Amino acid sequence: MPTLVGNRVLDMIEKRRRQLGSGLKPDGTPITADIVEFEQSMAIDLMEFVAFQNIKSRAQLRGILTLDEAMTVYAALGEGWGSNGGWAASTDLATKVVITQLMGELLAQRV
């Protein structure tokens, strides 16, 4: 019987939500008003939106992401470039950070 693999993307998002919810940056310093500016910096343009969707799809086809993980990325991006800085309306800051980091890691692997 195959081993069940959890959704690593959701696990990373939950970890980041807890970290942001703590009010502390990873180095232990307090999160201040920088958070608003940081969230604005997570906006993606239409070219990035399309690139993120394509990278996600290639990673899933190559077995790097599971179908569930790819669908998590898809849901965060939405079906079309959205008004939430290019993300789906319900996508929070933690999710934006994790997906952006994931895209960087996948690009480094030349996915």
N, C-alpha and C. Protein backbone atom coordinates (compact mmCIF):
# COMPACT_ATOMS: atom_id res chain seq x y z
N MET A 1 0.85 -1.17 0.00
CA MET A 1 0.00 0.00 0.00
C MET A 1 0.89 1.24 0.00
N PRO A 2 0.59 2.25 -0.85
CA PRO A 2 1.43 3.44 -0.89
C PRO A 2 1.33 4.25 0.40
N THR A 3 2.42 4.92 0.71
CA THR A 3 2.46 5.78 1.87
C THR A 3 1.72 7.08 1.56
N LEU A 4 0.89 7.51 2.48
CA LEU A 4 0.17 8.76 2.28
C LEU A 4 1.11 9.93 2.57
N VAL A 5 1.12 10.88 1.66
CA VAL A 5 1.95 12.06 1.82
C VAL A 5 1.02 13.23 2.11
N GLY A 6 1.33 14.00 3.12
CA GLY A 6 0.53 15.18 3.42
C GLY A 6 0.78 16.27 2.39
N ASN A 7 0.07 17.33 2.52
CA ASN A 7 0.22 18.47 1.63
C ASN A 7 1.28 19.38 2.23
N ARG A 8 2.49 19.30 1.70
CA ARG A 8 3.61 20.08 2.24
C ARG A 8 3.38 21.58 2.10
N VAL A 9 2.69 21.97 1.05
CA VAL A 9 2.43 23.40 0.84
C VAL A 9 1.50 23.91 1.95
N LEU A 10 0.44 23.17 2.24
CA LEU A 10 -0.46 23.58 3.33
C LEU A 10 0.26 23.60 4.67
N ASP A 11 1.14 22.62 4.89
CA ASP A 11 1.92 22.59 6.13
C ASP A 11 2.78 23.84 6.27
N MET A 12 3.42 24.25 5.17
CA MET A 12 4.27 25.45 5.20
C MET A 12 3.42 26.70 5.42
N ILE A 13 2.24 26.74 4.81
CA ILE A 13 1.35 27.89 4.98
C ILE A 13 0.91 28.00 6.45
N GLU A 14 0.53 26.89 7.06
CA GLU A 14 0.11 26.91 8.47
C GLU A 14 1.25 27.37 9.38
N LYS A 15 2.45 26.90 9.09
CA LYS A 15 3.62 27.31 9.88
C LYS A 15 3.83 28.82 9.75
N ARG A 16 3.72 29.34 8.54
CA ARG A 16 3.91 30.78 8.31
C ARG A 16 2.78 31.58 8.97
N ARG A 17 1.56 31.07 8.94
CA ARG A 17 0.44 31.76 9.61
C ARG A 17 0.70 31.87 11.11
N ARG A 18 1.19 30.79 11.69
CA ARG A 18 1.51 30.83 13.13
C ARG A 18 2.61 31.85 13.41
N GLN A 19 3.60 31.88 12.57
CA GLN A 19 4.71 32.82 12.76
C GLN A 19 4.23 34.26 12.63
N LEU A 20 3.43 34.55 11.61
CA LEU A 20 2.89 35.90 11.45
C LEU A 20 1.94 36.25 12.59
N GLY A 21 1.16 35.27 13.02
CA GLY A 21 0.23 35.49 14.12
C GLY A 21 0.92 35.76 15.45
N SER A 22 2.15 35.29 15.58
CA SER A 22 2.90 35.52 16.81
C SER A 22 3.33 36.97 16.96
N GLY A 23 3.31 37.71 15.84
CA GLY A 23 3.75 39.11 15.89
C GLY A 23 5.25 39.26 15.84
N LEU A 24 5.96 38.15 15.54
CA LEU A 24 7.42 38.21 15.50
C LEU A 24 7.95 37.76 14.15
N LYS A 25 9.01 38.40 13.72
CA LYS A 25 9.71 37.98 12.51
C LYS A 25 10.51 36.72 12.84
N PRO A 26 10.99 35.99 11.82
CA PRO A 26 11.77 34.77 12.11
C PRO A 26 12.97 35.00 13.03
N ASP A 27 13.54 36.21 12.99
CA ASP A 27 14.69 36.49 13.86
C ASP A 27 14.28 36.90 15.27
N GLY A 28 12.95 36.92 15.55
CA GLY A 28 12.47 37.23 16.88
C GLY A 28 12.12 38.69 17.11
N THR A 29 12.42 39.56 16.15
CA THR A 29 12.07 40.97 16.30
C THR A 29 10.58 41.16 15.99
N PRO A 30 9.98 42.17 16.60
CA PRO A 30 8.54 42.37 16.39
C PRO A 30 8.20 42.78 14.95
N ILE A 31 7.04 42.30 14.51
CA ILE A 31 6.51 42.75 13.22
C ILE A 31 5.83 44.09 13.49
N THR A 32 6.19 45.08 12.72
CA THR A 32 5.62 46.42 12.93
C THR A 32 4.77 46.79 11.73
N ALA A 33 4.68 48.07 11.47
CA ALA A 33 3.91 48.57 10.33
C ALA A 33 4.51 48.09 9.01
N ASP A 34 5.71 47.52 9.06
CA ASP A 34 6.33 46.99 7.85
C ASP A 34 5.43 45.96 7.17
N ILE A 35 4.53 45.36 7.93
CA ILE A 35 3.71 44.27 7.40
C ILE A 35 2.83 44.75 6.25
N VAL A 36 2.33 45.96 6.31
CA VAL A 36 1.48 46.49 5.23
C VAL A 36 2.31 46.65 3.96
N GLU A 37 3.48 47.23 4.11
CA GLU A 37 4.37 47.40 2.96
C GLU A 37 4.81 46.04 2.42
N PHE A 38 5.07 45.11 3.32
CA PHE A 38 5.48 43.77 2.90
C PHE A 38 4.38 43.09 2.10
N GLU A 39 3.14 43.20 2.59
CA GLU A 39 2.03 42.58 1.86
C GLU A 39 1.88 43.20 0.47
N GLN A 40 2.06 44.49 0.36
CA GLN A 40 1.97 45.15 -0.95
C GLN A 40 3.08 44.65 -1.88
N SER A 41 4.23 44.31 -1.30
CA SER A 41 5.34 43.82 -2.13
C SER A 41 5.09 42.41 -2.65
N MET A 42 4.10 41.72 -2.09
CA MET A 42 3.77 40.37 -2.53
C MET A 42 2.85 40.36 -3.76
N ALA A 43 2.47 41.55 -4.22
CA ALA A 43 1.62 41.63 -5.42
C ALA A 43 2.37 41.04 -6.61
N ILE A 44 1.63 40.37 -7.49
CA ILE A 44 2.22 39.81 -8.70
C ILE A 44 1.50 40.41 -9.91
N ASP A 45 2.27 40.61 -10.97
CA ASP A 45 1.64 41.12 -12.18
C ASP A 45 1.16 39.94 -13.03
N LEU A 46 0.53 40.25 -14.14
CA LEU A 46 -0.07 39.20 -14.97
C LEU A 46 0.97 38.22 -15.48
N MET A 47 2.16 38.70 -15.84
CA MET A 47 3.21 37.79 -16.33
C MET A 47 3.66 36.83 -15.23
N GLU A 48 3.78 37.34 -14.00
CA GLU A 48 4.16 36.47 -12.88
C GLU A 48 3.05 35.46 -12.59
N PHE A 49 1.81 35.90 -12.65
CA PHE A 49 0.67 35.01 -12.43
C PHE A 49 0.74 33.83 -13.40
N VAL A 50 0.93 34.13 -14.68
CA VAL A 50 1.00 33.07 -15.70
C VAL A 50 2.23 32.19 -15.46
N ALA A 51 3.35 32.80 -15.14
CA ALA A 51 4.57 32.02 -14.87
C ALA A 51 4.38 31.10 -13.67
N PHE A 52 3.77 31.60 -12.59
CA PHE A 52 3.53 30.77 -11.40
C PHE A 52 2.64 29.58 -11.76
N GLN A 53 1.59 29.81 -12.54
CA GLN A 53 0.71 28.71 -12.95
C GLN A 53 1.48 27.67 -13.77
N ASN A 54 2.31 28.14 -14.69
CA ASN A 54 3.08 27.22 -15.54
C ASN A 54 4.11 26.43 -14.72
N ILE A 55 4.81 27.10 -13.82
CA ILE A 55 5.81 26.43 -12.99
C ILE A 55 5.13 25.37 -12.13
N LYS A 56 3.98 25.73 -11.54
CA LYS A 56 3.22 24.80 -10.71
C LYS A 56 2.84 23.56 -11.51
N SER A 57 2.38 23.77 -12.73
CA SER A 57 1.94 22.65 -13.57
C SER A 57 3.11 21.74 -13.94
N ARG A 58 4.25 22.34 -14.31
CA ARG A 58 5.42 21.52 -14.66
C ARG A 58 5.91 20.73 -13.45
N ALA A 59 5.90 21.36 -12.27
CA ALA A 59 6.34 20.67 -11.06
C ALA A 59 5.43 19.49 -10.73
N GLN A 60 4.15 19.65 -10.95
CA GLN A 60 3.21 18.56 -10.68
C GLN A 60 3.41 17.44 -11.70
N LEU A 61 3.57 17.79 -12.96
CA LEU A 61 3.78 16.77 -13.99
C LEU A 61 5.07 15.98 -13.78
N ARG A 62 6.08 16.64 -13.21
CA ARG A 62 7.37 15.97 -12.96
C ARG A 62 7.40 15.25 -11.62
N GLY A 63 6.32 15.30 -10.88
CA GLY A 63 6.27 14.59 -9.61
C GLY A 63 6.91 15.33 -8.46
N ILE A 64 7.27 16.59 -8.65
CA ILE A 64 7.87 17.38 -7.57
C ILE A 64 6.79 17.82 -6.58
N LEU A 65 5.63 18.20 -7.11
CA LEU A 65 4.47 18.53 -6.29
C LEU A 65 3.41 17.44 -6.49
N THR A 66 2.70 17.13 -5.44
CA THR A 66 1.58 16.22 -5.58
C THR A 66 0.42 16.99 -6.22
N LEU A 67 -0.59 16.27 -6.64
CA LEU A 67 -1.77 16.93 -7.20
C LEU A 67 -2.40 17.87 -6.17
N ASP A 68 -2.50 17.42 -4.92
CA ASP A 68 -3.07 18.27 -3.87
C ASP A 68 -2.26 19.54 -3.66
N GLU A 69 -0.94 19.41 -3.69
CA GLU A 69 -0.08 20.59 -3.52
C GLU A 69 -0.25 21.55 -4.70
N ALA A 70 -0.30 21.01 -5.90
CA ALA A 70 -0.50 21.85 -7.09
C ALA A 70 -1.85 22.55 -7.03
N MET A 71 -2.87 21.85 -6.54
CA MET A 71 -4.20 22.46 -6.43
C MET A 71 -4.22 23.55 -5.35
N THR A 72 -3.41 23.40 -4.31
CA THR A 72 -3.29 24.44 -3.30
C THR A 72 -2.72 25.71 -3.92
N VAL A 73 -1.68 25.55 -4.74
CA VAL A 73 -1.09 26.70 -5.44
C VAL A 73 -2.12 27.31 -6.38
N TYR A 74 -2.81 26.47 -7.12
CA TYR A 74 -3.82 26.94 -8.07
C TYR A 74 -4.89 27.75 -7.35
N ALA A 75 -5.37 27.26 -6.22
CA ALA A 75 -6.41 27.96 -5.46
C ALA A 75 -5.91 29.30 -4.93
N ALA A 76 -4.64 29.36 -4.52
CA ALA A 76 -4.08 30.61 -4.02
C ALA A 76 -3.99 31.66 -5.13
N LEU A 77 -3.65 31.20 -6.32
CA LEU A 77 -3.54 32.13 -7.44
C LEU A 77 -4.90 32.50 -8.00
N GLY A 78 -5.83 31.58 -7.96
CA GLY A 78 -7.15 31.82 -8.50
C GLY A 78 -7.22 31.48 -9.98
N GLU A 79 -8.41 31.59 -10.53
CA GLU A 79 -8.62 31.22 -11.92
C GLU A 79 -8.22 32.32 -12.88
N GLY A 80 -8.01 33.49 -12.39
CA GLY A 80 -7.59 34.61 -13.22
C GLY A 80 -6.93 35.65 -12.35
N TRP A 81 -6.09 36.43 -12.94
CA TRP A 81 -5.34 37.44 -12.21
C TRP A 81 -6.32 38.30 -11.43
N GLY A 82 -6.21 38.31 -10.11
CA GLY A 82 -7.21 38.93 -9.25
C GLY A 82 -6.88 40.32 -8.74
N SER A 83 -7.83 40.88 -8.03
CA SER A 83 -7.69 42.24 -7.50
C SER A 83 -6.94 42.27 -6.17
N ASN A 84 -6.60 41.12 -5.63
CA ASN A 84 -5.85 41.01 -4.37
C ASN A 84 -4.36 40.95 -4.70
N GLY A 85 -3.87 41.96 -5.39
CA GLY A 85 -2.46 41.97 -5.79
C GLY A 85 -2.15 40.87 -6.78
N GLY A 86 -3.13 40.48 -7.58
CA GLY A 86 -2.93 39.42 -8.57
C GLY A 86 -3.27 38.03 -8.06
N TRP A 87 -3.58 37.90 -6.79
CA TRP A 87 -3.90 36.63 -6.15
C TRP A 87 -5.41 36.46 -6.04
N ALA A 88 -5.86 35.25 -5.73
CA ALA A 88 -7.28 35.02 -5.45
C ALA A 88 -7.70 35.89 -4.27
N ALA A 89 -8.95 36.31 -4.25
CA ALA A 89 -9.45 37.24 -3.23
C ALA A 89 -9.21 36.77 -1.80
N SER A 90 -9.27 35.48 -1.56
CA SER A 90 -9.15 34.95 -0.20
C SER A 90 -7.72 34.61 0.22
N THR A 91 -6.75 34.87 -0.64
CA THR A 91 -5.36 34.49 -0.34
C THR A 91 -4.74 35.45 0.66
N ASP A 92 -4.29 34.90 1.80
CA ASP A 92 -3.70 35.72 2.85
C ASP A 92 -2.20 35.89 2.66
N LEU A 93 -1.60 36.73 3.50
CA LEU A 93 -0.18 37.04 3.38
C LEU A 93 0.69 35.79 3.54
N ALA A 94 0.38 34.95 4.50
CA ALA A 94 1.18 33.74 4.72
C ALA A 94 1.22 32.88 3.47
N THR A 95 0.08 32.74 2.81
CA THR A 95 0.01 31.92 1.60
C THR A 95 0.82 32.55 0.48
N LYS A 96 0.71 33.87 0.33
CA LYS A 96 1.48 34.57 -0.70
C LYS A 96 2.98 34.36 -0.50
N VAL A 97 3.42 34.46 0.74
CA VAL A 97 4.85 34.29 1.05
C VAL A 97 5.30 32.87 0.70
N VAL A 98 4.54 31.88 1.13
CA VAL A 98 4.93 30.48 0.89
C VAL A 98 4.93 30.16 -0.60
N ILE A 99 3.91 30.57 -1.32
CA ILE A 99 3.84 30.28 -2.75
C ILE A 99 4.98 30.98 -3.49
N THR A 100 5.27 32.22 -3.12
CA THR A 100 6.37 32.94 -3.76
C THR A 100 7.71 32.26 -3.49
N GLN A 101 7.93 31.82 -2.24
CA GLN A 101 9.15 31.09 -1.91
C GLN A 101 9.23 29.77 -2.69
N LEU A 102 8.11 29.08 -2.77
CA LEU A 102 8.06 27.82 -3.51
C LEU A 102 8.43 28.03 -4.98
N MET A 103 7.89 29.08 -5.58
CA MET A 103 8.19 29.37 -7.00
C MET A 103 9.69 29.62 -7.18
N GLY A 104 10.30 30.34 -6.23
CA GLY A 104 11.74 30.57 -6.30
C GLY A 104 12.53 29.27 -6.21
N GLU A 105 12.10 28.39 -5.31
CA GLU A 105 12.78 27.10 -5.16
C GLU A 105 12.62 26.24 -6.42
N LEU A 106 11.43 26.25 -7.00
CA LEU A 106 11.20 25.47 -8.22
C LEU A 106 12.00 26.04 -9.39
N LEU A 107 12.08 27.35 -9.47
CA LEU A 107 12.89 27.98 -10.54
C LEU A 107 14.37 27.62 -10.38
N ALA A 108 14.84 27.56 -9.14
CA ALA A 108 16.23 27.20 -8.88
C ALA A 108 16.51 25.78 -9.37
N GLN A 109 15.48 24.92 -9.36
CA GLN A 109 15.61 23.56 -9.85
C GLN A 109 15.40 23.47 -11.35
N ARG A 110 15.16 24.61 -11.97
CA ARG A 110 14.91 24.71 -13.41
C ARG A 110 13.69 23.91 -13.84
N VAL A 111 12.64 24.04 -13.05
CA VAL A 111 11.37 23.34 -13.37
C VAL A 111 10.71 24.05 -14.52
